[in-house]
Amino acid sequence: MEWTKTKAILLLLIVSGIFLSILLILGGGDLIAGDASLFVLLNPHQATAFDQFFIVFSNWGPGDFGLGIYGMIILTLVLLVLSLKYRPLRPMRFMLLLVIVGFIIGYLGLTIVLKGLIGRARPFTEFDLLSPTPSNAWILFTNPTITFNDPSFPSGHATAGFIFATPLLLLYKKNWIRILALAYGILVAYARIFIGVHYPLDVFVGSLIGILVVALFYLLIKRYVLPRAPWFQVEEGPTEKKS
């Protein structure tokens, strides 16, 4: 295994260990109690200057006009189709394929299934975690898709955020692109805690699903699909003929 892959696995294990340790410490050995305590620390419980910023990040656009998860996937499919005609889009094909596969397996598969199986309540339904009349309650209901019966674990938005971010981390070598991709995924995940619709454990597990599913299919597609499907390979520029 390449050293870079080893470092990535070790980093994920270390971050996961630190996160779970924090929850256990905050909860006195109780993971769920620690998760609730961390939510209380991370959620502002009042209106702030950053409310609109995190609503936009959470919805992939302002208010009800945000693209949402399905809108982002439709945009991905449109770009993939356009790459048939427009040459500058061709190097993006592998990345777009990873996003689509990650969405089908990670979001529609694992995340949606786990939501139904576990059925964890949203944090804003646990009124003892919030002040009796939270001044940011209006934020919760700017997104009409969130209901009191909509399961919380794991976070689909966090899964989707890292499904979009992870291909950039894997395929691009420039550090500024990787930093922006990582910051994007983290902000999408934190936005769900900020507006009170997910616990930290929800977004952490959702993020891991997005990362691991995309990384797995990156390895599988690179090894088994790309050699048999040149259409998804990055095309090299025309070489000059030697005289």
Protein backbone atom coordinates (compact mmCIF):
# COMPACT_ATOMS: atom_id res chain seq x y z
CA MET A 1 0.00 0.00 0.00
CA GLU A 2 1.29 3.43 -0.88
CA TRP A 3 2.50 5.62 2.00
CA THR A 4 0.00 8.35 1.10
CA LYS A 5 -2.88 5.87 1.43
CA THR A 6 -1.45 4.65 4.73
CA LYS A 7 -1.29 8.23 6.02
CA ALA A 8 -4.89 8.87 4.97
CA ILE A 9 -6.13 5.74 6.79
CA LEU A 10 -4.11 6.60 9.89
CA LEU A 11 -5.44 10.16 9.85
CA LEU A 12 -9.04 8.94 9.64
CA LEU A 13 -8.44 6.52 12.52
CA ILE A 14 -6.79 9.20 14.65
CA VAL A 15 -9.54 11.77 13.99
CA SER A 16 -12.23 9.16 14.69
CA GLY A 17 -10.50 8.15 17.92
CA ILE A 18 -10.17 11.74 19.09
CA PHE A 19 -13.80 12.53 18.25
CA LEU A 20 -15.18 9.46 20.05
CA SER A 21 -12.91 10.15 23.03
CA ILE A 22 -14.29 13.70 23.28
CA LEU A 23 -17.85 12.37 23.28
CA LEU A 24 -17.05 9.80 25.95
CA ILE A 25 -15.30 12.39 28.14
CA LEU A 26 -18.15 14.90 27.82
CA GLY A 27 -20.72 12.19 28.52
CA GLY A 28 -18.87 10.59 31.42
CA GLY A 29 -18.56 7.35 29.45
CA ASP A 30 -21.98 7.70 27.76
CA LEU A 31 -21.52 8.29 24.01
CA ILE A 32 -25.03 9.63 23.40
CA ALA A 33 -24.92 11.95 26.41
CA GLY A 34 -21.56 13.24 25.21
CA ASP A 35 -23.03 13.80 21.76
CA ALA A 36 -25.81 15.91 23.27
CA SER A 37 -23.30 17.88 25.35
CA LEU A 38 -21.14 18.61 22.30
CA PHE A 39 -24.24 19.74 20.39
CA VAL A 40 -25.00 22.22 23.17
CA LEU A 41 -21.46 23.58 22.89
CA LEU A 42 -21.50 23.89 19.08
CA ASN A 43 -25.05 25.18 18.50
CA PRO A 44 -25.34 28.95 19.15
CA HIS A 45 -28.89 28.84 20.66
CA GLN A 46 -29.47 32.38 19.48
CA ALA A 47 -29.56 34.46 16.32
CA THR A 48 -26.08 35.39 15.06
CA ALA A 49 -24.50 37.27 12.18
CA PHE A 50 -23.67 33.90 10.59
CA ASP A 51 -27.23 32.55 10.37
CA GLN A 52 -27.77 33.27 6.67
CA PHE A 53 -24.28 32.06 5.78
CA PHE A 54 -24.88 28.62 7.29
CA ILE A 55 -28.41 28.38 5.88
CA VAL A 56 -26.93 28.96 2.41
CA PHE A 57 -24.21 26.37 3.06
CA SER A 58 -26.78 23.91 4.37
CA ASN A 59 -29.12 24.30 1.39
CA TRP A 60 -26.48 24.84 -1.33
CA GLY A 61 -28.01 28.20 -2.05
CA PRO A 62 -30.14 30.93 -0.44
CA GLY A 63 -33.31 29.77 1.33
CA ASP A 64 -35.83 27.80 -0.69
CA PHE A 65 -33.88 28.62 -3.87
CA GLY A 66 -30.97 26.41 -2.81
CA LEU A 67 -30.02 23.55 -5.10
CA GLY A 68 -30.19 20.97 -2.32
CA ILE A 69 -28.64 17.51 -2.59
CA TYR A 70 -30.68 16.39 -5.58
CA GLY A 71 -30.07 19.66 -7.39
CA MET A 72 -26.33 19.19 -7.00
CA ILE A 73 -26.57 15.65 -8.41
CA ILE A 74 -28.61 16.88 -11.38
CA LEU A 75 -25.92 19.52 -11.98
CA THR A 76 -23.29 16.75 -11.87
CA LEU A 77 -25.22 14.70 -14.47
CA VAL A 78 -25.63 17.75 -16.70
CA LEU A 79 -21.87 18.42 -16.59
CA LEU A 80 -21.18 14.78 -17.43
CA VAL A 81 -23.46 14.97 -20.48
CA LEU A 82 -21.96 18.29 -21.55
CA SER A 83 -18.51 16.72 -21.44
CA LEU A 84 -19.56 14.80 -24.57
CA LYS A 85 -19.44 18.04 -26.50
CA TYR A 86 -17.18 20.42 -24.61
CA ARG A 87 -13.54 19.34 -24.42
CA PRO A 88 -12.61 21.45 -21.33
CA LEU A 89 -15.05 19.36 -19.28
CA ARG A 90 -13.51 16.00 -20.24
CA PRO A 91 -10.88 15.92 -17.48
CA MET A 92 -13.76 16.15 -14.98
CA ARG A 93 -15.38 12.88 -16.08
CA PHE A 94 -13.69 10.65 -13.51
CA MET A 95 -14.56 13.10 -10.74
CA LEU A 96 -18.18 13.34 -11.89
CA LEU A 97 -18.42 9.54 -12.07
CA LEU A 98 -17.18 9.27 -8.48
CA VAL A 99 -19.79 11.78 -7.32
CA ILE A 100 -22.63 9.90 -9.04
CA VAL A 101 -21.55 6.47 -7.77
CA GLY A 102 -20.93 7.89 -4.29
CA PHE A 103 -24.41 9.44 -4.27
CA ILE A 104 -26.12 6.19 -5.30
CA ILE A 105 -24.23 3.96 -2.86
CA GLY A 106 -23.39 6.37 -0.05
CA TYR A 107 -26.44 8.63 0.10
CA LEU A 108 -29.35 6.68 -1.41
CA GLY A 109 -27.91 3.43 -0.10
CA LEU A 110 -26.17 3.55 3.27
CA THR A 111 -27.35 6.90 4.65
CA ILE A 112 -31.05 6.57 3.79
CA VAL A 113 -31.15 2.94 4.96
CA LEU A 114 -29.43 3.77 8.28
CA LYS A 115 -31.82 6.67 8.87
CA GLY A 116 -34.77 4.31 8.59
CA LEU A 117 -33.20 1.57 10.71
CA ILE A 118 -31.97 3.78 13.57
CA GLY A 119 -34.66 6.47 13.59
CA ARG A 120 -32.89 8.92 15.86
CA ALA A 121 -34.85 12.08 16.71
CA ARG A 122 -33.61 15.49 15.57
CA PRO A 123 -31.91 17.60 18.25
CA PHE A 124 -34.50 20.39 17.99
CA THR A 125 -37.13 17.92 19.23
CA GLU A 126 -35.16 17.49 22.46
CA PHE A 127 -36.21 20.75 24.08
CA ASP A 128 -34.05 20.19 27.13
CA LEU A 129 -31.03 20.76 24.86
CA LEU A 130 -32.27 24.16 23.78
CA SER A 131 -33.39 27.20 25.67
CA PRO A 132 -37.19 27.19 26.24
CA THR A 133 -37.73 29.78 23.52
CA PRO A 134 -34.62 29.55 21.31
CA SER A 135 -34.20 32.76 19.36
CA ASN A 136 -32.84 30.81 16.41
CA ALA A 137 -35.93 28.60 16.16
CA TRP A 138 -36.93 30.39 12.95
CA ILE A 139 -33.80 28.97 11.31
CA LEU A 140 -35.03 25.43 11.81
CA PHE A 141 -38.18 26.00 9.84
CA THR A 142 -36.75 27.91 6.90
CA ASN A 143 -36.19 24.43 5.44
CA PRO A 144 -39.67 22.88 5.13
CA THR A 145 -38.19 19.44 4.35
CA ILE A 146 -37.14 19.04 7.98
CA THR A 147 -39.94 17.62 10.14
CA PHE A 148 -40.16 16.36 13.68
CA ASN A 149 -40.46 12.79 12.34
CA ASP A 150 -37.51 13.01 9.93
CA PRO A 151 -34.67 10.78 11.29
CA SER A 152 -31.43 12.46 12.28
CA PHE A 153 -28.71 9.76 12.10
CA PRO A 154 -26.62 9.87 9.97
CA SER A 155 -26.62 13.28 8.30
CA GLY A 156 -27.41 13.03 4.59
CA HIS A 157 -26.11 16.54 3.98
CA ALA A 158 -22.77 15.67 5.57
CA THR A 159 -22.60 12.51 3.46
CA ALA A 160 -23.34 14.49 0.31
CA GLY A 161 -20.93 17.27 1.24
CA PHE A 162 -18.03 14.84 1.43
CA ILE A 163 -19.21 12.94 -1.64
CA PHE A 164 -18.64 16.21 -3.51
CA ALA A 165 -15.42 17.08 -1.65
CA THR A 166 -13.58 13.74 -1.57
CA PRO A 167 -13.04 13.38 -5.35
CA LEU A 168 -11.24 16.74 -5.30
CA LEU A 169 -9.06 15.53 -2.44
CA LEU A 170 -8.19 12.35 -4.35
CA LEU A 171 -7.78 13.62 -7.89
CA TYR A 172 -6.18 17.03 -7.54
CA LYS A 173 -2.60 17.55 -6.38
CA LYS A 174 -2.72 21.30 -5.69
CA ASN A 175 -2.91 21.96 -1.96
CA TRP A 176 -5.20 24.99 -2.28
CA ILE A 177 -7.82 22.86 -4.07
CA ARG A 178 -7.60 20.18 -1.40
CA ILE A 179 -7.83 22.74 1.41
CA LEU A 180 -10.92 24.34 -0.16
CA ALA A 181 -12.54 20.93 -0.70
CA LEU A 182 -11.90 19.90 2.91
CA ALA A 183 -13.15 23.26 4.22
CA TYR A 184 -16.28 22.90 2.08
CA GLY A 185 -17.10 19.45 3.47
CA ILE A 186 -16.51 20.55 7.06
CA LEU A 187 -18.65 23.68 6.65
CA VAL A 188 -21.55 21.71 5.17
CA ALA A 189 -21.35 19.28 8.09
CA TYR A 190 -21.10 22.00 10.75
CA ALA A 191 -23.93 23.98 9.16
CA ARG A 192 -26.29 21.13 10.09
CA ILE A 193 -25.28 21.43 13.75
CA PHE A 194 -25.41 25.23 13.65
CA ILE A 195 -29.03 25.34 12.46
CA GLY A 196 -30.01 22.67 15.00
CA VAL A 197 -31.06 19.79 12.75
CA HIS A 198 -28.24 17.31 13.51
CA TYR A 199 -26.07 16.14 16.38
CA PRO A 200 -22.26 16.06 15.98
CA LEU A 201 -22.26 12.24 15.78
CA ASP A 202 -24.80 12.43 12.94
CA VAL A 203 -22.58 14.64 10.82
CA PHE A 204 -19.38 12.80 11.74
CA VAL A 205 -20.72 9.42 10.65
CA GLY A 206 -22.36 10.97 7.58
CA SER A 207 -19.03 12.53 6.64
CA LEU A 208 -17.21 9.20 7.10
CA ILE A 209 -19.73 7.47 4.84
CA GLY A 210 -19.13 10.04 2.10
CA ILE A 211 -15.35 9.81 2.41
CA LEU A 212 -15.08 6.02 2.63
CA VAL A 213 -17.57 5.22 -0.14
CA VAL A 214 -15.92 7.61 -2.60
CA ALA A 215 -12.42 6.41 -1.63
CA LEU A 216 -13.41 2.77 -2.09
CA PHE A 217 -14.93 3.35 -5.51
CA TYR A 218 -11.99 5.54 -6.48
CA LEU A 219 -9.72 2.52 -6.00
CA LEU A 220 -12.12 0.09 -7.70
CA ILE A 221 -12.88 2.32 -10.69
CA LYS A 222 -9.22 3.27 -11.14
CA ARG A 223 -8.17 -0.37 -11.17
CA TYR A 224 -11.01 -2.13 -12.99
CA VAL A 225 -13.01 0.46 -14.98
CA LEU A 226 -10.56 3.04 -16.32
CA PRO A 227 -8.36 0.51 -18.18
CA ARG A 228 -11.48 -0.73 -20.01
CA ALA A 229 -13.24 2.63 -20.36
CA PRO A 230 -10.91 5.26 -21.86
CA TRP A 231 -13.88 7.66 -22.03
CA PHE A 232 -13.42 8.39 -18.33
CA GLN A 233 -9.67 8.87 -18.52
CA VAL A 234 -8.12 12.32 -18.64
CA GLU A 235 -7.15 12.92 -22.23
CA GLU A 236 -3.63 14.03 -22.96
CA GLY A 237 -2.98 16.85 -25.39
CA PRO A 238 -1.91 16.01 -28.95
CA THR A 239 1.74 15.05 -29.23
CA GLU A 240 3.96 16.53 -31.88
CA LYS A 241 5.11 14.22 -34.62
CA LYS A 242 8.82 13.75 -34.85
CA SER A 243 10.25 14.57 -38.26
